[in-house]
PDB file of N, CA and C in Angstrom:
ATOM      1  N   UNK A   1       0.842  -1.188   0.000  1.00  0.00           N
ATOM      2  CA  UNK A   1       0.000   0.000   0.000  1.00  0.00           C
ATOM      3  C   UNK A   1       0.877   1.238   0.000  1.00  0.00           C
ATOM      4  N   UNK A   2       0.688   2.084  -0.991  1.00  0.00           N
ATOM      5  CA  UNK A   2       1.540   3.266  -1.123  1.00  0.00           C
ATOM      6  C   UNK A   2       0.860   4.486  -0.519  1.00  0.00           C
ATOM      7  N   UNK A   3       1.597   5.205   0.278  1.00  0.00           N
ATOM      8  CA  UNK A   3       1.116   6.427   0.915  1.00  0.00           C
ATOM      9  C   UNK A   3       2.070   7.547   0.532  1.00  0.00           C
ATOM     10  N   UNK A   4       1.820   8.231  -0.573  1.00  0.00           N
ATOM     11  CA  UNK A   4       2.754   9.274  -0.979  1.00  0.00           C
ATOM     12  C   UNK A   4       2.807  10.399   0.047  1.00  0.00           C
ATOM     13  N   UNK A   5       3.995  10.865   0.302  1.00  0.00           N
ATOM     14  CA  UNK A   5       4.198  11.974   1.224  1.00  0.00           C
ATOM     15  C   UNK A   5       5.084  13.001   0.536  1.00  0.00           C
ATOM     16  N   UNK A   6       4.648  14.242   0.585  1.00  0.00           N
ATOM     17  CA  UNK A   6       5.390  15.310  -0.065  1.00  0.00           C
ATOM     18  C   UNK A   6       6.325  16.031   0.890  1.00  0.00           C
ATOM     19  N   UNK A   7       6.422  15.571   2.136  1.00  0.00           N
ATOM     20  CA  UNK A   7       7.293  16.215   3.124  1.00  0.00           C
ATOM     21  C   UNK A   7       8.742  16.346   2.639  1.00  0.00           C
ATOM     22  N   UNK A   8       9.316  15.358   1.948  1.00  0.00           N
ATOM     23  CA  UNK A   8      10.698  15.537   1.496  1.00  0.00           C
ATOM     24  C   UNK A   8      10.882  16.696   0.505  1.00  0.00           C
ATOM     25  N   UNK A   9       9.807  17.157  -0.106  1.00  0.00           N
ATOM     26  CA  UNK A   9       9.878  18.285  -1.035  1.00  0.00           C
ATOM     27  C   UNK A   9       9.502  19.609  -0.368  1.00  0.00           C
ATOM     28  N   UNK A  10       8.847  19.540   0.790  1.00  0.00           N
ATOM     29  CA  UNK A  10       8.289  20.766   1.373  1.00  0.00           C
ATOM     30  C   UNK A  10       8.703  21.035   2.813  1.00  0.00           C
ATOM     31  N   UNK A  11       9.318  20.090   3.505  1.00  0.00           N
ATOM     32  CA  UNK A  11       9.597  20.239   4.931  1.00  0.00           C
ATOM     33  C   UNK A  11      11.032  19.858   5.287  1.00  0.00           C
ATOM     34  N   UNK A  12      11.458  20.415   6.400  1.00  0.00           N
ATOM     35  CA  UNK A  12      12.704  20.006   7.047  1.00  0.00           C
ATOM     36  C   UNK A  12      12.535  20.264   8.533  1.00  0.00           C
ATOM     37  N   UNK A  13      12.992  19.348   9.339  1.00  0.00           N
ATOM     38  CA  UNK A  13      12.998  19.517  10.791  1.00  0.00           C
ATOM     39  C   UNK A  13      14.442  19.747  11.204  1.00  0.00           C
ATOM     40  N   UNK A  14      14.691  20.866  11.862  1.00  0.00           N
ATOM     41  CA  UNK A  14      16.031  21.181  12.344  1.00  0.00           C
ATOM     42  C   UNK A  14      15.985  21.125  13.866  1.00  0.00           C
ATOM     43  N   UNK A  15      16.782  20.241  14.442  1.00  0.00           N
ATOM     44  CA  UNK A  15      16.732  20.105  15.899  1.00  0.00           C
ATOM     45  C   UNK A  15      17.615  21.151  16.581  1.00  0.00           C
ATOM     46  N   UNK A  16      17.681  21.081  17.889  1.00  0.00           N
ATOM     47  CA  UNK A  16      18.360  22.094  18.690  1.00  0.00           C
ATOM     48  C   UNK A  16      19.871  22.140  18.497  1.00  0.00           C
ATOM     49  N   UNK A  17      20.457  21.127  17.909  1.00  0.00           N
ATOM     50  CA  UNK A  17      21.898  21.157  17.652  1.00  0.00           C
ATOM     51  C   UNK A  17      22.222  21.332  16.168  1.00  0.00           C
ATOM     52  N   UNK A  18      21.193  21.498  15.332  1.00  0.00           N
ATOM     53  CA  UNK A  18      21.411  21.745  13.917  1.00  0.00           C
ATOM     54  C   UNK A  18      21.341  20.533  13.018  1.00  0.00           C
ATOM     55  N   UNK A  19      20.900  19.396  13.553  1.00  0.00           N
ATOM     56  CA  UNK A  19      20.731  18.216  12.703  1.00  0.00           C
ATOM     57  C   UNK A  19      19.425  18.341  11.933  1.00  0.00           C
ATOM     58  N   UNK A  20      19.467  18.014  10.658  1.00  0.00           N
ATOM     59  CA  UNK A  20      18.307  18.151   9.779  1.00  0.00           C
ATOM     60  C   UNK A  20      17.697  16.777   9.545  1.00  0.00           C
ATOM     61  N   UNK A  21      16.386  16.691   9.768  1.00  0.00           N
ATOM     62  CA  UNK A  21      15.613  15.472   9.520  1.00  0.00           C
ATOM     63  C   UNK A  21      14.448  15.836   8.608  1.00  0.00           C
ATOM     64  N   UNK A  22      13.789  14.849   8.046  1.00  0.00           N
ATOM     65  CA  UNK A  22      12.729  15.131   7.079  1.00  0.00           C
ATOM     66  C   UNK A  22      11.457  15.651   7.740  1.00  0.00           C
ATOM     67  N   UNK A  23      11.112  15.144   8.922  1.00  0.00           N
ATOM     68  CA  UNK A  23       9.882  15.600   9.574  1.00  0.00           C
ATOM     69  C   UNK A  23       9.871  15.182  11.036  1.00  0.00           C
ATOM     70  N   UNK A  24       8.850  15.611  11.747  1.00  0.00           N
ATOM     71  CA  UNK A  24       8.756  15.322  13.183  1.00  0.00           C
ATOM     72  C   UNK A  24       8.474  13.850  13.470  1.00  0.00           C
ATOM     73  N   UNK A  25       7.937  13.113  12.512  1.00  0.00           N
ATOM     74  CA  UNK A  25       7.691  11.684  12.721  1.00  0.00           C
ATOM     75  C   UNK A  25       8.992  10.880  12.691  1.00  0.00           C
ATOM     76  N   UNK A  26      10.008  11.451  12.092  1.00  0.00           N
ATOM     77  CA  UNK A  26      11.299  10.764  11.947  1.00  0.00           C
ATOM     78  C   UNK A  26      12.380  11.569  12.662  1.00  0.00           C
ATOM     79  N   UNK A  27      12.214  11.737  13.957  1.00  0.00           N
ATOM     80  CA  UNK A  27      13.138  12.558  14.741  1.00  0.00           C
ATOM     81  C   UNK A  27      14.505  11.914  14.923  1.00  0.00           C
ATOM     82  N   UNK A  28      14.563  10.600  14.922  1.00  0.00           N
ATOM     83  CA  UNK A  28      15.820   9.912  15.207  1.00  0.00           C
ATOM     84  C   UNK A  28      16.640   9.607  13.960  1.00  0.00           C
ATOM     85  N   UNK A  29      15.981   9.215  12.893  1.00  0.00           N
ATOM     86  CA  UNK A  29      16.695   8.871  11.671  1.00  0.00           C
ATOM     87  C   UNK A  29      15.796   9.089  10.483  1.00  0.00           C
ATOM     88  N   UNK A  30      16.267   9.298   9.336  1.00  0.00           N
ATOM     89  CA  UNK A  30      17.673   9.511   9.046  1.00  0.00           C
ATOM     90  C   UNK A  30      18.078  10.960   9.322  1.00  0.00           C
ATOM     91  N   UNK A  31      19.326  11.153   9.631  1.00  0.00           N
ATOM     92  CA  UNK A  31      19.873  12.508   9.727  1.00  0.00           C
ATOM     93  C   UNK A  31      20.308  12.877   8.315  1.00  0.00           C
ATOM     94  N   UNK A  32      19.741  13.952   7.801  1.00  0.00           N
ATOM     95  CA  UNK A  32      19.998  14.350   6.416  1.00  0.00           C
ATOM     96  C   UNK A  32      21.167  15.308   6.286  1.00  0.00           C
ATOM     97  N   UNK A  33      21.542  15.912   7.387  1.00  0.00           N
ATOM     98  CA  UNK A  33      22.666  16.830   7.366  1.00  0.00           C
ATOM     99  C   UNK A  33      22.877  17.462   8.725  1.00  0.00           C
ATOM    100  N   UNK A  34      23.961  18.209   8.823  1.00  0.00           N
ATOM    101  CA  UNK A  34      24.341  18.875  10.065  1.00  0.00           C
ATOM    102  C   UNK A  34      24.681  20.318   9.721  1.00  0.00           C
ATOM    103  N   UNK A  35      23.853  21.261  10.186  1.00  0.00           N
ATOM    104  CA  UNK A  35      24.040  22.666   9.836  1.00  0.00           C
ATOM    105  C   UNK A  35      25.272  23.281  10.479  1.00  0.00           C
ATOM    106  N   UNK A  36      25.914  22.560  11.379  1.00  0.00           N
ATOM    107  CA  UNK A  36      27.185  23.031  11.930  1.00  0.00           C
ATOM    108  C   UNK A  36      28.322  22.764  10.950  1.00  0.00           C
ATOM    109  N   UNK A  37      28.069  21.893   9.978  1.00  0.00           N
ATOM    110  CA  UNK A  37      29.119  21.503   9.038  1.00  0.00           C
ATOM    111  C   UNK A  37      28.807  21.852   7.586  1.00  0.00           C
ATOM    112  N   UNK A  38      27.541  22.152   7.288  1.00  0.00           N
ATOM    113  CA  UNK A  38      27.167  22.462   5.912  1.00  0.00           C
ATOM    114  C   UNK A  38      25.988  23.429   5.920  1.00  0.00           C
ATOM    115  N   UNK A  39      25.780  24.090   4.799  1.00  0.00           N
ATOM    116  CA  UNK A  39      24.671  25.042   4.696  1.00  0.00           C
ATOM    117  C   UNK A  39      23.354  24.288   4.509  1.00  0.00           C
ATOM    118  N   UNK A  40      22.260  24.984   4.792  1.00  0.00           N
ATOM    119  CA  UNK A  40      20.956  24.366   4.572  1.00  0.00           C
ATOM    120  C   UNK A  40      20.788  24.007   3.102  1.00  0.00           C
ATOM    121  N   UNK A  41      21.224  24.870   2.216  1.00  0.00           N
ATOM    122  CA  UNK A  41      21.114  24.585   0.779  1.00  0.00           C
ATOM    123  C   UNK A  41      21.850  23.294   0.416  1.00  0.00           C
ATOM    124  N   UNK A  42      23.041  23.101   0.982  1.00  0.00           N
ATOM    125  CA  UNK A  42      23.790  21.870   0.705  1.00  0.00           C
ATOM    126  C   UNK A  42      23.023  20.639   1.188  1.00  0.00           C
ATOM    127  N   UNK A  43      22.381  20.756   2.346  1.00  0.00           N
ATOM    128  CA  UNK A  43      21.587  19.636   2.858  1.00  0.00           C
ATOM    129  C   UNK A  43      20.376  19.411   1.967  1.00  0.00           C
ATOM    130  N   UNK A  44      19.615  20.481   1.695  1.00  0.00           N
ATOM    131  CA  UNK A  44      18.363  20.402   0.931  1.00  0.00           C
ATOM    132  C   UNK A  44      18.593  19.850  -0.469  1.00  0.00           C
ATOM    133  N   UNK A  45      19.699  20.230  -1.090  1.00  0.00           N
ATOM    134  CA  UNK A  45      19.985  19.806  -2.460  1.00  0.00           C
ATOM    135  C   UNK A  45      20.927  18.601  -2.522  1.00  0.00           C
ATOM    136  N   UNK A  46      21.257  18.037  -1.368  1.00  0.00           N
ATOM    137  CA  UNK A  46      22.221  16.946  -1.302  1.00  0.00           C
ATOM    138  C   UNK A  46      21.655  15.584  -1.679  1.00  0.00           C
ATOM    139  N   UNK A  47      22.552  14.637  -1.764  1.00  0.00           N
ATOM    140  CA  UNK A  47      22.204  13.281  -2.201  1.00  0.00           C
ATOM    141  C   UNK A  47      21.255  12.572  -1.236  1.00  0.00           C
ATOM    142  N   UNK A  48      21.382  12.834   0.062  1.00  0.00           N
ATOM    143  CA  UNK A  48      20.530  12.138   1.028  1.00  0.00           C
ATOM    144  C   UNK A  48      19.083  12.569   0.880  1.00  0.00           C
ATOM    145  N   UNK A  49      18.849  13.878   0.753  1.00  0.00           N
ATOM    146  CA  UNK A  49      17.481  14.356   0.525  1.00  0.00           C
ATOM    147  C   UNK A  49      16.973  13.854  -0.824  1.00  0.00           C
ATOM    148  N   UNK A  50      17.824  13.860  -1.837  1.00  0.00           N
ATOM    149  CA  UNK A  50      17.422  13.386  -3.169  1.00  0.00           C
ATOM    150  C   UNK A  50      16.960  11.934  -3.115  1.00  0.00           C
ATOM    151  N   UNK A  51      17.631  11.110  -2.329  1.00  0.00           N
ATOM    152  CA  UNK A  51      17.233   9.703  -2.209  1.00  0.00           C
ATOM    153  C   UNK A  51      15.843   9.579  -1.596  1.00  0.00           C
ATOM    154  N   UNK A  52      15.514  10.456  -0.633  1.00  0.00           N
ATOM    155  CA  UNK A  52      14.178  10.428  -0.035  1.00  0.00           C
ATOM    156  C   UNK A  52      13.102  10.845  -1.026  1.00  0.00           C
ATOM    157  N   UNK A  53      13.491  11.640  -1.992  1.00  0.00           N
ATOM    158  CA  UNK A  53      12.523  12.140  -2.979  1.00  0.00           C
ATOM    159  C   UNK A  53      12.300  11.163  -4.129  1.00  0.00           C
ATOM    160  N   UNK A  54      12.981  10.047  -4.124  1.00  0.00           N
ATOM    161  CA  UNK A  54      12.811   9.037  -5.170  1.00  0.00           C
ATOM    162  C   UNK A  54      11.415   8.427  -5.044  1.00  0.00           C
ATOM    163  N   UNK A  55      10.570   8.592  -6.066  1.00  0.00           N
ATOM    164  CA  UNK A  55       9.193   8.102  -5.966  1.00  0.00           C
ATOM    165  C   UNK A  55       9.085   6.589  -5.803  1.00  0.00           C
ATOM    166  N   UNK A  56      10.126   5.866  -6.138  1.00  0.00           N
ATOM    167  CA  UNK A  56      10.089   4.410  -5.994  1.00  0.00           C
ATOM    168  C   UNK A  56      10.318   3.971  -4.551  1.00  0.00           C
ATOM    169  N   UNK A  57      10.638   4.907  -3.673  1.00  0.00           N
ATOM    170  CA  UNK A  57      10.922   4.585  -2.278  1.00  0.00           C
ATOM    171  C   UNK A  57       9.720   4.802  -1.357  1.00  0.00           C
ATOM    172  N   UNK A  58       8.542   5.054  -1.906  1.00  0.00           N
ATOM    173  CA  UNK A  58       7.370   5.330  -1.073  1.00  0.00           C
ATOM    174  C   UNK A  58       6.665   4.049  -0.678  1.00  0.00           C
ATOM    175  N   UNK A  59       6.147   3.918   0.538  1.00  0.00           N
ATOM    176  CA  UNK A  59       6.330   4.874   1.631  1.00  0.00           C
ATOM    177  C   UNK A  59       7.760   4.843   2.144  1.00  0.00           C
ATOM    178  N   UNK A  60       8.183   5.943   2.706  1.00  0.00           N
ATOM    179  CA  UNK A  60       9.573   6.095   3.092  1.00  0.00           C
ATOM    180  C   UNK A  60       9.986   5.167   4.230  1.00  0.00           C
ATOM    181  N   UNK A  61       9.220   5.175   5.315  1.00  0.00           N
ATOM    182  CA  UNK A  61       9.570   4.421   6.516  1.00  0.00           C
ATOM    183  C   UNK A  61       8.293   3.875   7.136  1.00  0.00           C
ATOM    184  N   UNK A  62       8.432   2.970   8.085  1.00  0.00           N
ATOM    185  CA  UNK A  62       7.260   2.420   8.770  1.00  0.00           C
ATOM    186  C   UNK A  62       6.428   3.530   9.413  1.00  0.00           C
ATOM    187  N   UNK A  63       7.085   4.545   9.951  1.00  0.00           N
ATOM    188  CA  UNK A  63       6.365   5.661  10.582  1.00  0.00           C
ATOM    189  C   UNK A  63       5.461   6.374   9.583  1.00  0.00           C
ATOM    190  N   UNK A  64       5.822   6.370   8.315  1.00  0.00           N
ATOM    191  CA  UNK A  64       5.015   7.046   7.288  1.00  0.00           C
ATOM    192  C   UNK A  64       3.648   6.377   7.126  1.00  0.00           C
ATOM    193  N   UNK A  65       3.588   5.093   7.361  1.00  0.00           N
ATOM    194  CA  UNK A  65       2.328   4.361   7.200  1.00  0.00           C
ATOM    195  C   UNK A  65       1.281   4.764   8.235  1.00  0.00           C
ATOM    196  N   UNK A  66       1.742   5.214   9.404  1.00  0.00           N
ATOM    197  CA  UNK A  66       0.783   5.582  10.445  1.00  0.00           C
ATOM    198  C   UNK A  66       0.717   7.090  10.690  1.00  0.00           C
ATOM    199  N   UNK A  67       1.347   7.860   9.843  1.00  0.00           N
ATOM    200  CA  UNK A  67       1.374   9.310  10.001  1.00  0.00           C
ATOM    201  C   UNK A  67       0.159   9.943   9.343  1.00  0.00           C
ATOM    202  N   UNK A  68      -0.520  10.795  10.087  1.00  0.00           N
ATOM    203  CA  UNK A  68      -1.577  11.601   9.473  1.00  0.00           C
ATOM    204  C   UNK A  68      -1.294  13.087   9.656  1.00  0.00           C
ATOM    205  N   UNK A  69      -0.075  13.431  10.074  1.00  0.00           N
ATOM    206  CA  UNK A  69       0.285  14.832  10.280  1.00  0.00           C
ATOM    207  C   UNK A  69       0.187  15.650   8.997  1.00  0.00           C
ATOM    208  N   UNK A  70       0.542  15.054   7.884  1.00  0.00           N
ATOM    209  CA  UNK A  70       0.541  15.763   6.611  1.00  0.00           C
ATOM    210  C   UNK A  70      -0.579  15.285   5.693  1.00  0.00           C
ATOM    211  N   UNK A  71      -1.573  14.606   6.244  1.00  0.00           N
ATOM    212  CA  UNK A  71      -2.619  14.000   5.429  1.00  0.00           C
ATOM    213  C   UNK A  71      -3.308  15.020   4.530  1.00  0.00           C
ATOM    214  N   UNK A  72      -3.770  16.126   5.085  1.00  0.00           N
ATOM    215  CA  UNK A  72      -4.469  17.137   4.283  1.00  0.00           C
ATOM    216  C   UNK A  72      -3.548  17.720   3.222  1.00  0.00           C
ATOM    217  N   UNK A  73      -2.310  18.048   3.611  1.00  0.00           N
ATOM    218  CA  UNK A  73      -1.359  18.607   2.652  1.00  0.00           C
ATOM    219  C   UNK A  73      -1.052  17.614   1.537  1.00  0.00           C
ATOM    220  N   UNK A  74      -0.870  16.351   1.892  1.00  0.00           N
ATOM    221  CA  UNK A  74      -0.585  15.332   0.880  1.00  0.00           C
ATOM    222  C   UNK A  74      -1.754  15.162  -0.082  1.00  0.00           C
ATOM    223  N   UNK A  75      -2.982  15.178   0.432  1.00  0.00           N
ATOM    224  CA  UNK A  75      -4.158  15.064  -0.429  1.00  0.00           C
ATOM    225  C   UNK A  75      -4.264  16.269  -1.359  1.00  0.00           C
ATOM    226  N   UNK A  76      -3.991  17.466  -0.847  1.00  0.00           N
ATOM    227  CA  UNK A  76      -4.047  18.667  -1.681  1.00  0.00           C
ATOM    228  C   UNK A  76      -2.979  18.626  -2.766  1.00  0.00           C
ATOM    229  N   UNK A  77      -1.760  18.229  -2.405  1.00  0.00           N
ATOM    230  CA  UNK A  77      -0.689  18.145  -3.395  1.00  0.00           C
ATOM    231  C   UNK A  77      -1.013  17.103  -4.464  1.00  0.00           C
ATOM    232  N   UNK A  78      -1.533  15.955  -4.065  1.00  0.00           N
ATOM    233  CA  UNK A  78      -1.894  14.914  -5.028  1.00  0.00           C
ATOM    234  C   UNK A  78      -2.967  15.416  -5.983  1.00  0.00           C
ATOM    235  N   UNK A  79      -3.947  16.154  -5.461  1.00  0.00           N
ATOM    236  CA  UNK A  79      -5.005  16.715  -6.303  1.00  0.00           C
ATOM    237  C   UNK A  79      -4.429  17.729  -7.280  1.00  0.00           C
ATOM    238  N   UNK A  80      -3.561  18.618  -6.797  1.00  0.00           N
ATOM    239  CA  UNK A  80      -2.945  19.612  -7.679  1.00  0.00           C
ATOM    240  C   UNK A  80      -2.126  18.952  -8.778  1.00  0.00           C
ATOM    241  N   UNK A  81      -1.379  17.929  -8.423  1.00  0.00           N
ATOM    242  CA  UNK A  81      -0.597  17.219  -9.433  1.00  0.00           C
ATOM    243  C   UNK A  81      -1.494  16.539 -10.458  1.00  0.00           C
ATOM    244  N   UNK A  82      -2.572  15.936 -10.010  1.00  0.00           N
ATOM    245  CA  UNK A  82      -3.506  15.276 -10.920  1.00  0.00           C
ATOM    246  C   UNK A  82      -4.153  16.288 -11.858  1.00  0.00           C
ATOM    247  N   UNK A  83      -4.579  17.427 -11.320  1.00  0.00           N
ATOM    248  CA  UNK A  83      -5.180  18.479 -12.152  1.00  0.00           C
ATOM    249  C   UNK A  83      -4.162  18.972 -13.171  1.00  0.00           C
ATOM    250  N   UNK A  84      -2.920  19.148 -12.735  1.00  0.00           N
ATOM    251  CA  UNK A  84      -1.872  19.577 -13.657  1.00  0.00           C
ATOM    252  C   UNK A  84      -1.656  18.580 -14.778  1.00  0.00           C
ATOM    253  N   UNK A  85      -1.658  17.296 -14.449  1.00  0.00           N
ATOM    254  CA  UNK A  85      -1.501  16.260 -15.474  1.00  0.00           C
ATOM    255  C   UNK A  85      -2.670  16.265 -16.448  1.00  0.00           C
ATOM    256  N   UNK A  86      -3.878  16.450 -15.924  1.00  0.00           N
ATOM    257  CA  UNK A  86      -5.062  16.492 -16.786  1.00  0.00           C
ATOM    258  C   UNK A  86      -5.031  17.710 -17.701  1.00  0.00           C
ATOM    259  N   UNK A  87      -4.619  18.856 -17.184  1.00  0.00           N
ATOM    260  CA  UNK A  87      -4.524  20.062 -18.012  1.00  0.00           C
ATOM    261  C   UNK A  87      -3.460  19.899 -19.091  1.00  0.00           C
ATOM    262  N   UNK A  88      -2.378  19.228 -18.758  1.00  0.00           N
ATOM    263  CA  UNK A  88      -1.329  18.988 -19.743  1.00  0.00           C
ATOM    264  C   UNK A  88      -1.848  18.126 -20.888  1.00  0.00           C
ATOM    265  N   UNK A  89      -2.714  17.170 -20.587  1.00  0.00           N
ATOM    266  CA  UNK A  89      -3.293  16.313 -21.620  1.00  0.00           C
ATOM    267  C   UNK A  89      -4.247  17.090 -22.517  1.00  0.00           C
ATOM    268  N   UNK A  90      -4.977  18.056 -21.938  1.00  0.00           N
ATOM    269  CA  UNK A  90      -5.917  18.870 -22.717  1.00  0.00           C
ATOM    270  C   UNK A  90      -5.161  19.697 -23.745  1.00  0.00           C
ATOM    271  N   UNK A  91      -3.982  20.171 -23.365  1.00  0.00           N
ATOM    272  CA  UNK A  91      -3.195  21.013 -24.254  1.00  0.00           C
ATOM    273  C   UNK A  91      -2.544  20.271 -25.398  1.00  0.00           C
ATOM    274  N   UNK A  92      -2.607  18.957 -25.406  1.00  0.00           N
ATOM    275  CA  UNK A  92      -1.951  18.177 -26.477  1.00  0.00           C
ATOM    276  C   UNK A  92      -2.847  18.006 -27.660  1.00  0.00           C
TER     277      UNK A  92
END
């Protein structure tokens, strides 16, 4: 069962020591970067974040299956993407 989550494209959780994680549901792992050692841009555009954005990796983690924190946002994003795809087909 696939539960698409757009958090890797829209969110970052930065803890009190500067460690960057994808969201509050995944506070312990994975650590995507350390702002004491690299810029936010380097973390956001880095290979670790890119791997999370791979659509073939959904759902990302076991915690994603029981998360409803981003449910409304995910449904809205999915609808917008679907509408965009439909409009693109009309233009062909």
